[in-house]
Amino acid sequence: MMKIMLGVQYVDGSGAEVTASVPDFVAFERKYDKPISAFSTDVRIEYMAFIAWHALNRTNETKLDFDGWLETLAELRIGEEEEIVPLESNQSTGS
């Protein structure tokens, strides 16, 4: 697992798409003393929220502390990372 895509919706109607990555996973493990794999087996709203908040905080998209940020949150969802489909290599070169 290299990235987790999360969508956040705020009480004011605005929203953001969040891409959490390794620094956010390490912060999760340090805070909760659990491996990041716990995120997929024991999906707690707090875990999802912390990872989203940490990614937003790390990228300077929020200056609020975690609890303050939670007060602004209306909805949180797990998105899916899109895979890039490689071009087919058996295309004709015109020779």
PDB file of N, CA and C in Angstrom:
ATOM      1  N   MET A   1       0.855  -1.165   0.000  1.00  0.00           N
ATOM      2  CA  MET A   1       0.000   0.000   0.000  1.00  0.00           C
ATOM      3  C   MET A   1       0.903   1.231   0.000  1.00  0.00           C
ATOM      4  N   MET A   2       0.788   2.007  -1.056  1.00  0.00           N
ATOM      5  CA  MET A   2       1.626   3.189  -1.157  1.00  0.00           C
ATOM      6  C   MET A   2       0.837   4.483  -1.013  1.00  0.00           C
ATOM      7  N   LYS A   3      -0.460   4.456  -1.363  1.00  0.00           N
ATOM      8  CA  LYS A   3      -1.292   5.642  -1.264  1.00  0.00           C
ATOM      9  C   LYS A   3      -2.704   5.247  -0.869  1.00  0.00           C
ATOM     10  N   ILE A   4      -3.366   6.146  -0.175  1.00  0.00           N
ATOM     11  CA  ILE A   4      -4.791   6.005   0.110  1.00  0.00           C
ATOM     12  C   ILE A   4      -5.448   7.295  -0.335  1.00  0.00           C
ATOM     13  N   MET A   5      -6.501   7.151  -1.116  1.00  0.00           N
ATOM     14  CA  MET A   5      -7.254   8.306  -1.570  1.00  0.00           C
ATOM     15  C   MET A   5      -8.455   8.476  -0.638  1.00  0.00           C
ATOM     16  N   LEU A   6      -8.641   9.690  -0.141  1.00  0.00           N
ATOM     17  CA  LEU A   6      -9.755   9.991   0.750  1.00  0.00           C
ATOM     18  C   LEU A   6     -10.465  11.241   0.255  1.00  0.00           C
ATOM     19  N   GLY A   7     -11.761  11.260   0.414  1.00  0.00           N
ATOM     20  CA  GLY A   7     -12.537  12.445   0.082  1.00  0.00           C
ATOM     21  C   GLY A   7     -13.107  13.028   1.357  1.00  0.00           C
ATOM     22  N   VAL A   8     -12.988  14.335   1.536  1.00  0.00           N
ATOM     23  CA  VAL A   8     -13.549  14.998   2.707  1.00  0.00           C
ATOM     24  C   VAL A   8     -14.571  16.030   2.255  1.00  0.00           C
ATOM     25  N   GLN A   9     -15.630  16.142   3.040  1.00  0.00           N
ATOM     26  CA  GLN A   9     -16.662  17.144   2.809  1.00  0.00           C
ATOM     27  C   GLN A   9     -16.800  17.908   4.117  1.00  0.00           C
ATOM     28  N   TYR A  10     -16.756  19.214   4.024  1.00  0.00           N
ATOM     29  CA  TYR A  10     -16.834  20.060   5.209  1.00  0.00           C
ATOM     30  C   TYR A  10     -18.256  20.548   5.444  1.00  0.00           C
ATOM     31  N   VAL A  11     -18.547  20.970   6.672  1.00  0.00           N
ATOM     32  CA  VAL A  11     -19.892  21.439   7.005  1.00  0.00           C
ATOM     33  C   VAL A  11     -20.276  22.689   6.215  1.00  0.00           C
ATOM     34  N   ASP A  12     -19.310  23.440   5.720  1.00  0.00           N
ATOM     35  CA  ASP A  12     -19.629  24.638   4.933  1.00  0.00           C
ATOM     36  C   ASP A  12     -19.916  24.319   3.468  1.00  0.00           C
ATOM     37  N   GLY A  13     -19.896  23.024   3.103  1.00  0.00           N
ATOM     38  CA  GLY A  13     -20.198  22.612   1.745  1.00  0.00           C
ATOM     39  C   GLY A  13     -18.980  22.427   0.853  1.00  0.00           C
ATOM     40  N   SER A  14     -17.836  22.911   1.266  1.00  0.00           N
ATOM     41  CA  SER A  14     -16.621  22.720   0.473  1.00  0.00           C
ATOM     42  C   SER A  14     -16.093  21.303   0.688  1.00  0.00           C
ATOM     43  N   GLY A  15     -15.131  20.917  -0.111  1.00  0.00           N
ATOM     44  CA  GLY A  15     -14.574  19.582   0.013  1.00  0.00           C
ATOM     45  C   GLY A  15     -13.174  19.508  -0.553  1.00  0.00           C
ATOM     46  N   ALA A  16     -12.559  18.351  -0.406  1.00  0.00           N
ATOM     47  CA  ALA A  16     -11.208  18.137  -0.913  1.00  0.00           C
ATOM     48  C   ALA A  16     -10.986  16.657  -1.157  1.00  0.00           C
ATOM     49  N   GLU A  17     -10.149  16.370  -2.140  1.00  0.00           N
ATOM     50  CA  GLU A  17      -9.668  15.017  -2.376  1.00  0.00           C
ATOM     51  C   GLU A  17      -8.273  14.956  -1.780  1.00  0.00           C
ATOM     52  N   VAL A  18      -8.025  13.949  -0.986  1.00  0.00           N
ATOM     53  CA  VAL A  18      -6.778  13.833  -0.241  1.00  0.00           C
ATOM     54  C   VAL A  18      -6.042  12.581  -0.685  1.00  0.00           C
ATOM     55  N   THR A  19      -4.740  12.726  -0.933  1.00  0.00           N
ATOM     56  CA  THR A  19      -3.890  11.578  -1.220  1.00  0.00           C
ATOM     57  C   THR A  19      -2.930  11.414  -0.050  1.00  0.00           C
ATOM     58  N   ALA A  20      -3.153  10.372   0.730  1.00  0.00           N
ATOM     59  CA  ALA A  20      -2.281  10.088   1.867  1.00  0.00           C
ATOM     60  C   ALA A  20      -1.181   9.139   1.403  1.00  0.00           C
ATOM     61  N   SER A  21       0.018   9.351   1.923  1.00  0.00           N
ATOM     62  CA  SER A  21       1.145   8.519   1.509  1.00  0.00           C
ATOM     63  C   SER A  21       2.022   8.174   2.713  1.00  0.00           C
ATOM     64  N   VAL A  22       3.212   7.694   2.454  1.00  0.00           N
ATOM     65  CA  VAL A  22       4.089   7.125   3.483  1.00  0.00           C
ATOM     66  C   VAL A  22       4.250   8.020   4.722  1.00  0.00           C
ATOM     67  N   PRO A  23       4.521   9.328   4.608  1.00  0.00           N
ATOM     68  CA  PRO A  23       4.663  10.123   5.833  1.00  0.00           C
ATOM     69  C   PRO A  23       3.400  10.099   6.702  1.00  0.00           C
ATOM     70  N   ASP A  24       2.245  10.032   6.065  1.00  0.00           N
ATOM     71  CA  ASP A  24       0.982   9.986   6.805  1.00  0.00           C
ATOM     72  C   ASP A  24       0.797   8.627   7.481  1.00  0.00           C
ATOM     73  N   PHE A  25       1.233   7.571   6.817  1.00  0.00           N
ATOM     74  CA  PHE A  25       1.132   6.229   7.395  1.00  0.00           C
ATOM     75  C   PHE A  25       2.049   6.088   8.612  1.00  0.00           C
ATOM     76  N   VAL A  26       3.250   6.636   8.515  1.00  0.00           N
ATOM     77  CA  VAL A  26       4.188   6.584   9.644  1.00  0.00           C
ATOM     78  C   VAL A  26       3.623   7.378  10.827  1.00  0.00           C
ATOM     79  N   ALA A  27       3.047   8.531  10.552  1.00  0.00           N
ATOM     80  CA  ALA A  27       2.430   9.332  11.625  1.00  0.00           C
ATOM     81  C   ALA A  27       1.298   8.550  12.282  1.00  0.00           C
ATOM     82  N   PHE A  28       0.492   7.841  11.482  1.00  0.00           N
ATOM     83  CA  PHE A  28      -0.582   7.003  12.016  1.00  0.00           C
ATOM     84  C   PHE A  28      -0.005   5.931  12.941  1.00  0.00           C
ATOM     85  N   GLU A  29       1.035   5.237  12.468  1.00  0.00           N
ATOM     86  CA  GLU A  29       1.632   4.170  13.271  1.00  0.00           C
ATOM     87  C   GLU A  29       2.202   4.702  14.580  1.00  0.00           C
ATOM     88  N   ARG A  30       2.815   5.862  14.543  1.00  0.00           N
ATOM     89  CA  ARG A  30       3.381   6.460  15.755  1.00  0.00           C
ATOM     90  C   ARG A  30       2.287   6.883  16.730  1.00  0.00           C
ATOM     91  N   LYS A  31       1.211   7.480  16.214  1.00  0.00           N
ATOM     92  CA  LYS A  31       0.141   7.973  17.087  1.00  0.00           C
ATOM     93  C   LYS A  31      -0.636   6.829  17.730  1.00  0.00           C
ATOM     94  N   TYR A  32      -1.008   5.823  16.947  1.00  0.00           N
ATOM     95  CA  TYR A  32      -1.880   4.756  17.447  1.00  0.00           C
ATOM     96  C   TYR A  32      -1.141   3.489  17.840  1.00  0.00           C
ATOM     97  N   ASP A  33       0.168   3.453  17.624  1.00  0.00           N
ATOM     98  CA  ASP A  33       0.984   2.279  17.925  1.00  0.00           C
ATOM     99  C   ASP A  33       0.388   1.024  17.292  1.00  0.00           C
ATOM    100  N   LYS A  34      -0.031   1.172  16.028  1.00  0.00           N
ATOM    101  CA  LYS A  34      -0.585   0.069  15.243  1.00  0.00           C
ATOM    102  C   LYS A  34       0.027   0.143  13.858  1.00  0.00           C
ATOM    103  N   PRO A  35       0.202  -0.991  13.197  1.00  0.00           N
ATOM    104  CA  PRO A  35       0.683  -0.950  11.817  1.00  0.00           C
ATOM    105  C   PRO A  35      -0.402  -0.372  10.913  1.00  0.00           C
ATOM    106  N   ILE A  36      -0.002   0.205   9.801  1.00  0.00           N
ATOM    107  CA  ILE A  36      -0.962   0.786   8.865  1.00  0.00           C
ATOM    108  C   ILE A  36      -1.940  -0.267   8.356  1.00  0.00           C
ATOM    109  N   SER A  37      -1.574  -1.540   8.396  1.00  0.00           N
ATOM    110  CA  SER A  37      -2.494  -2.600   7.977  1.00  0.00           C
ATOM    111  C   SER A  37      -3.751  -2.620   8.847  1.00  0.00           C
ATOM    112  N   ALA A  38      -3.674  -2.083  10.056  1.00  0.00           N
ATOM    113  CA  ALA A  38      -4.858  -1.987  10.916  1.00  0.00           C
ATOM    114  C   ALA A  38      -5.913  -1.099  10.290  1.00  0.00           C
ATOM    115  N   PHE A  39      -5.478  -0.170   9.444  1.00  0.00           N
ATOM    116  CA  PHE A  39      -6.412   0.714   8.763  1.00  0.00           C
ATOM    117  C   PHE A  39      -7.374  -0.068   7.876  1.00  0.00           C
ATOM    118  N   SER A  40      -6.894  -1.131   7.243  1.00  0.00           N
ATOM    119  CA  SER A  40      -7.764  -1.896   6.349  1.00  0.00           C
ATOM    120  C   SER A  40      -8.532  -2.998   7.068  1.00  0.00           C
ATOM    121  N   THR A  41      -8.065  -3.443   8.229  1.00  0.00           N
ATOM    122  CA  THR A  41      -8.756  -4.517   8.933  1.00  0.00           C
ATOM    123  C   THR A  41      -9.653  -4.005  10.051  1.00  0.00           C
ATOM    124  N   ASP A  42      -9.347  -2.835  10.583  1.00  0.00           N
ATOM    125  CA  ASP A  42     -10.108  -2.255  11.691  1.00  0.00           C
ATOM    126  C   ASP A  42     -10.416  -0.800  11.326  1.00  0.00           C
ATOM    127  N   VAL A  43     -11.278  -0.622  10.326  1.00  0.00           N
ATOM    128  CA  VAL A  43     -11.533   0.712   9.798  1.00  0.00           C
ATOM    129  C   VAL A  43     -12.364   1.507  10.798  1.00  0.00           C
ATOM    130  N   ARG A  44     -11.687   2.370  11.528  1.00  0.00           N
ATOM    131  CA  ARG A  44     -12.354   3.283  12.453  1.00  0.00           C
ATOM    132  C   ARG A  44     -12.399   4.657  11.807  1.00  0.00           C
ATOM    133  N   ILE A  45     -13.472   5.368  12.043  1.00  0.00           N
ATOM    134  CA  ILE A  45     -13.608   6.718  11.505  1.00  0.00           C
ATOM    135  C   ILE A  45     -12.446   7.587  11.979  1.00  0.00           C
ATOM    136  N   GLU A  46     -12.045   7.428  13.220  1.00  0.00           N
ATOM    137  CA  GLU A  46     -10.927   8.227  13.735  1.00  0.00           C
ATOM    138  C   GLU A  46      -9.656   7.966  12.941  1.00  0.00           C
ATOM    139  N   TYR A  47      -9.392   6.713  12.578  1.00  0.00           N
ATOM    140  CA  TYR A  47      -8.204   6.388  11.799  1.00  0.00           C
ATOM    141  C   TYR A  47      -8.242   7.083  10.440  1.00  0.00           C
ATOM    142  N   MET A  48      -9.394   6.971   9.758  1.00  0.00           N
ATOM    143  CA  MET A  48      -9.545   7.614   8.457  1.00  0.00           C
ATOM    144  C   MET A  48      -9.364   9.119   8.579  1.00  0.00           C
ATOM    145  N   ALA A  49      -9.994   9.695   9.588  1.00  0.00           N
ATOM    146  CA  ALA A  49      -9.926  11.141   9.783  1.00  0.00           C
ATOM    147  C   ALA A  49      -8.495  11.581  10.078  1.00  0.00           C
ATOM    148  N   PHE A  50      -7.795  10.839  10.929  1.00  0.00           N
ATOM    149  CA  PHE A  50      -6.422  11.222  11.257  1.00  0.00           C
ATOM    150  C   PHE A  50      -5.532  11.197  10.028  1.00  0.00           C
ATOM    151  N   ILE A  51      -5.659  10.156   9.219  1.00  0.00           N
ATOM    152  CA  ILE A  51      -4.823  10.057   8.020  1.00  0.00           C
ATOM    153  C   ILE A  51      -5.140  11.198   7.057  1.00  0.00           C
ATOM    154  N   ALA A  52      -6.426  11.496   6.865  1.00  0.00           N
ATOM    155  CA  ALA A  52      -6.815  12.611   5.991  1.00  0.00           C
ATOM    156  C   ALA A  52      -6.289  13.929   6.543  1.00  0.00           C
ATOM    157  N   TRP A  53      -6.503  14.171   7.837  1.00  0.00           N
ATOM    158  CA  TRP A  53      -6.032  15.413   8.457  1.00  0.00           C
ATOM    159  C   TRP A  53      -4.517  15.541   8.340  1.00  0.00           C
ATOM    160  N   HIS A  54      -3.796  14.459   8.608  1.00  0.00           N
ATOM    161  CA  HIS A  54      -2.342  14.524   8.570  1.00  0.00           C
ATOM    162  C   HIS A  54      -1.859  14.884   7.174  1.00  0.00           C
ATOM    163  N   ALA A  55      -2.464  14.280   6.159  1.00  0.00           N
ATOM    164  CA  ALA A  55      -2.076  14.585   4.776  1.00  0.00           C
ATOM    165  C   ALA A  55      -2.374  16.053   4.446  1.00  0.00           C
ATOM    166  N   LEU A  56      -3.533  16.554   4.867  1.00  0.00           N
ATOM    167  CA  LEU A  56      -3.879  17.958   4.618  1.00  0.00           C
ATOM    168  C   LEU A  56      -2.966  18.904   5.385  1.00  0.00           C
ATOM    169  N   ASN A  57      -2.656  18.547   6.610  1.00  0.00           N
ATOM    170  CA  ASN A  57      -1.770  19.366   7.434  1.00  0.00           C
ATOM    171  C   ASN A  57      -0.356  19.375   6.871  1.00  0.00           C
ATOM    172  N   ARG A  58       0.112  18.208   6.442  1.00  0.00           N
ATOM    173  CA  ARG A  58       1.465  18.079   5.892  1.00  0.00           C
ATOM    174  C   ARG A  58       1.633  18.900   4.616  1.00  0.00           C
ATOM    175  N   THR A  59       0.569  19.006   3.835  1.00  0.00           N
ATOM    176  CA  THR A  59       0.632  19.750   2.576  1.00  0.00           C
ATOM    177  C   THR A  59       0.125  21.193   2.736  1.00  0.00           C
ATOM    178  N   ASN A  60       0.019  21.640   3.980  1.00  0.00           N
ATOM    179  CA  ASN A  60      -0.395  23.014   4.314  1.00  0.00           C
ATOM    180  C   ASN A  60      -1.779  23.380   3.797  1.00  0.00           C
ATOM    181  N   GLU A  61      -2.675  22.396   3.705  1.00  0.00           N
ATOM    182  CA  GLU A  61      -4.045  22.668   3.285  1.00  0.00           C
ATOM    183  C   GLU A  61      -4.959  22.914   4.472  1.00  0.00           C
ATOM    184  N   THR A  62      -4.468  22.695   5.684  1.00  0.00           N
ATOM    185  CA  THR A  62      -5.163  23.084   6.903  1.00  0.00           C
ATOM    186  C   THR A  62      -4.124  23.452   7.951  1.00  0.00           C
ATOM    187  N   LYS A  63      -4.470  24.433   8.748  1.00  0.00           N
ATOM    188  CA  LYS A  63      -3.608  24.837   9.862  1.00  0.00           C
ATOM    189  C   LYS A  63      -4.228  24.436  11.201  1.00  0.00           C
ATOM    190  N   LEU A  64      -5.443  23.881  11.138  1.00  0.00           N
ATOM    191  CA  LEU A  64      -6.146  23.495  12.359  1.00  0.00           C
ATOM    192  C   LEU A  64      -5.506  22.263  12.984  1.00  0.00           C
ATOM    193  N   ASP A  65      -5.593  22.165  14.333  1.00  0.00           N
ATOM    194  CA  ASP A  65      -5.160  20.927  14.967  1.00  0.00           C
ATOM    195  C   ASP A  65      -6.209  19.858  14.670  1.00  0.00           C
ATOM    196  N   PHE A  66      -5.900  18.613  14.990  1.00  0.00           N
ATOM    197  CA  PHE A  66      -6.768  17.496  14.609  1.00  0.00           C
ATOM    198  C   PHE A  66      -8.188  17.672  15.133  1.00  0.00           C
ATOM    199  N   ASP A  67      -8.346  17.952  16.431  1.00  0.00           N
ATOM    200  CA  ASP A  67      -9.688  18.080  16.996  1.00  0.00           C
ATOM    201  C   ASP A  67     -10.441  19.268  16.414  1.00  0.00           C
ATOM    202  N   GLY A  68      -9.759  20.373  16.186  1.00  0.00           N
ATOM    203  CA  GLY A  68     -10.389  21.531  15.566  1.00  0.00           C
ATOM    204  C   GLY A  68     -10.852  21.222  14.151  1.00  0.00           C
ATOM    205  N   TRP A  69     -10.030  20.495  13.407  1.00  0.00           N
ATOM    206  CA  TRP A  69     -10.374  20.101  12.042  1.00  0.00           C
ATOM    207  C   TRP A  69     -11.582  19.172  12.035  1.00  0.00           C
ATOM    208  N   LEU A  70     -11.649  18.242  13.000  1.00  0.00           N
ATOM    209  CA  LEU A  70     -12.790  17.327  13.085  1.00  0.00           C
ATOM    210  C   LEU A  70     -14.109  18.083  13.196  1.00  0.00           C
ATOM    211  N   GLU A  71     -14.093  19.199  13.912  1.00  0.00           N
ATOM    212  CA  GLU A  71     -15.311  19.996  14.093  1.00  0.00           C
ATOM    213  C   GLU A  71     -15.820  20.570  12.769  1.00  0.00           C
ATOM    214  N   THR A  72     -14.966  20.682  11.769  1.00  0.00           N
ATOM    215  CA  THR A  72     -15.365  21.239  10.470  1.00  0.00           C
ATOM    216  C   THR A  72     -15.791  20.153   9.484  1.00  0.00           C
ATOM    217  N   LEU A  73     -15.614  18.899   9.852  1.00  0.00           N
ATOM    218  CA  LEU A  73     -15.815  17.767   8.940  1.00  0.00           C
ATOM    219  C   LEU A  73     -17.262  17.287   8.972  1.00  0.00           C
ATOM    220  N   ALA A  74     -17.865  17.128   7.784  1.00  0.00           N
ATOM    221  CA  ALA A  74     -19.227  16.610   7.684  1.00  0.00           C
ATOM    222  C   ALA A  74     -19.247  15.177   7.173  1.00  0.00           C
ATOM    223  N   GLU A  75     -18.334  14.852   6.260  1.00  0.00           N
ATOM    224  CA  GLU A  75     -18.337  13.527   5.630  1.00  0.00           C
ATOM    225  C   GLU A  75     -16.916  13.138   5.253  1.00  0.00           C
ATOM    226  N   LEU A  76     -16.670  11.846   5.279  1.00  0.00           N
ATOM    227  CA  LEU A  76     -15.357  11.308   4.943  1.00  0.00           C
ATOM    228  C   LEU A  76     -15.575  10.006   4.192  1.00  0.00           C
ATOM    229  N   ARG A  77     -14.881   9.832   3.075  1.00  0.00           N
ATOM    230  CA  ARG A  77     -15.032   8.592   2.325  1.00  0.00           C
ATOM    231  C   ARG A  77     -13.672   8.116   1.811  1.00  0.00           C
ATOM    232  N   ILE A  78     -13.576   6.816   1.639  1.00  0.00           N
ATOM    233  CA  ILE A  78     -12.374   6.225   1.070  1.00  0.00           C
ATOM    234  C   ILE A  78     -12.581   6.154  -0.432  1.00  0.00           C
ATOM    235  N   GLY A  79     -11.650   6.721  -1.170  1.00  0.00           N
ATOM    236  CA  GLY A  79     -11.692   6.660  -2.619  1.00  0.00           C
ATOM    237  C   GLY A  79     -10.809   5.545  -3.109  1.00  0.00           C
ATOM    238  N   GLU A  80     -10.713   5.423  -4.397  1.00  0.00           N
ATOM    239  CA  GLU A  80      -9.855   4.401  -4.983  1.00  0.00           C
ATOM    240  C   GLU A  80      -8.813   5.072  -5.849  1.00  0.00           C
ATOM    241  N   GLU A  81      -7.607   4.587  -5.755  1.00  0.00           N
ATOM    242  CA  GLU A  81      -6.526   5.108  -6.583  1.00  0.00           C
ATOM    243  C   GLU A  81      -6.727   4.608  -8.005  1.00  0.00           C
ATOM    244  N   GLU A  82      -6.627   5.518  -8.936  1.00  0.00           N
ATOM    245  CA  GLU A  82      -6.773   5.128 -10.330  1.00  0.00           C
ATOM    246  C   GLU A  82      -5.459   4.563 -10.834  1.00  0.00           C
ATOM    247  N   GLU A  83      -5.570   3.451 -11.563  1.00  0.00           N
ATOM    248  CA  GLU A  83      -4.376   2.862 -12.165  1.00  0.00           C
ATOM    249  C   GLU A  83      -4.206   3.411 -13.567  1.00  0.00           C
ATOM    250  N   ILE A  84      -2.982   3.669 -13.932  1.00  0.00           N
ATOM    251  CA  ILE A  84      -2.684   4.127 -15.282  1.00  0.00           C
ATOM    252  C   ILE A  84      -2.510   2.898 -16.162  1.00  0.00           C
ATOM    253  N   VAL A  85      -3.285   2.828 -17.208  1.00  0.00           N
ATOM    254  CA  VAL A  85      -3.228   1.690 -18.120  1.00  0.00           C
ATOM    255  C   VAL A  85      -2.133   1.956 -19.137  1.00  0.00           C
ATOM    256  N   PRO A  86      -1.152   1.054 -19.250  1.00  0.00           N
ATOM    257  CA  PRO A  86      -0.060   1.267 -20.205  1.00  0.00           C
ATOM    258  C   PRO A  86      -0.562   1.146 -21.639  1.00  0.00           C
ATOM    259  N   LEU A  87       0.108   1.834 -22.525  1.00  0.00           N
ATOM    260  CA  LEU A  87      -0.217   1.721 -23.940  1.00  0.00           C
ATOM    261  C   LEU A  87       0.153   0.327 -24.419  1.00  0.00           C
ATOM    262  N   GLU A  88      -0.611  -0.173 -25.356  1.00  0.00           N
ATOM    263  CA  GLU A  88      -0.296  -1.487 -25.916  1.00  0.00           C
ATOM    264  C   GLU A  88       0.988  -1.380 -26.720  1.00  0.00           C
ATOM    265  N   SER A  89       1.855  -2.366 -26.600  1.00  0.00           N
ATOM    266  CA  SER A  89       3.147  -2.314 -27.272  1.00  0.00           C
ATOM    267  C   SER A  89       3.135  -3.005 -28.633  1.00  0.00           C
ATOM    268  N   ASN A  90       2.023  -3.645 -28.992  1.00  0.00           N
ATOM    269  CA  ASN A  90       2.010  -4.362 -30.256  1.00  0.00           C
ATOM    270  C   ASN A  90       1.353  -3.562 -31.378  1.00  0.00           C
ATOM    271  N   GLN A  91       1.435  -2.243 -31.286  1.00  0.00           N
ATOM    272  CA  GLN A  91       0.874  -1.406 -32.343  1.00  0.00           C
ATOM    273  C   GLN A  91       1.806  -1.373 -33.544  1.00  0.00           C
ATOM    274  N   SER A  92       1.215  -1.230 -34.711  1.00  0.00           N
ATOM    275  CA  SER A  92       1.980  -1.200 -35.956  1.00  0.00           C
ATOM    276  C   SER A  92       2.827   0.081 -36.026  1.00  0.00           C
ATOM    277  N   THR A  93       4.039  -0.044 -36.512  1.00  0.00           N
ATOM    278  CA  THR A  93       4.924   1.104 -36.669  1.00  0.00           C
ATOM    279  C   THR A  93       4.874   1.657 -38.087  1.00  0.00           C
ATOM    280  N   GLY A  94       4.105   1.035 -38.958  1.00  0.00           N
ATOM    281  CA  GLY A  94       3.970   1.502 -40.331  1.00  0.00           C
ATOM    282  C   GLY A  94       5.038   0.956 -41.261  1.00  0.00           C
ATOM    283  N   SER A  95       5.867   0.015 -40.830  1.00  0.00           N
ATOM    284  CA  SER A  95       6.922  -0.553 -41.690  1.00  0.00           C
ATOM    285  C   SER A  95       6.415  -1.708 -42.480  1.00  0.00           C
TER     286      SER A  95
END
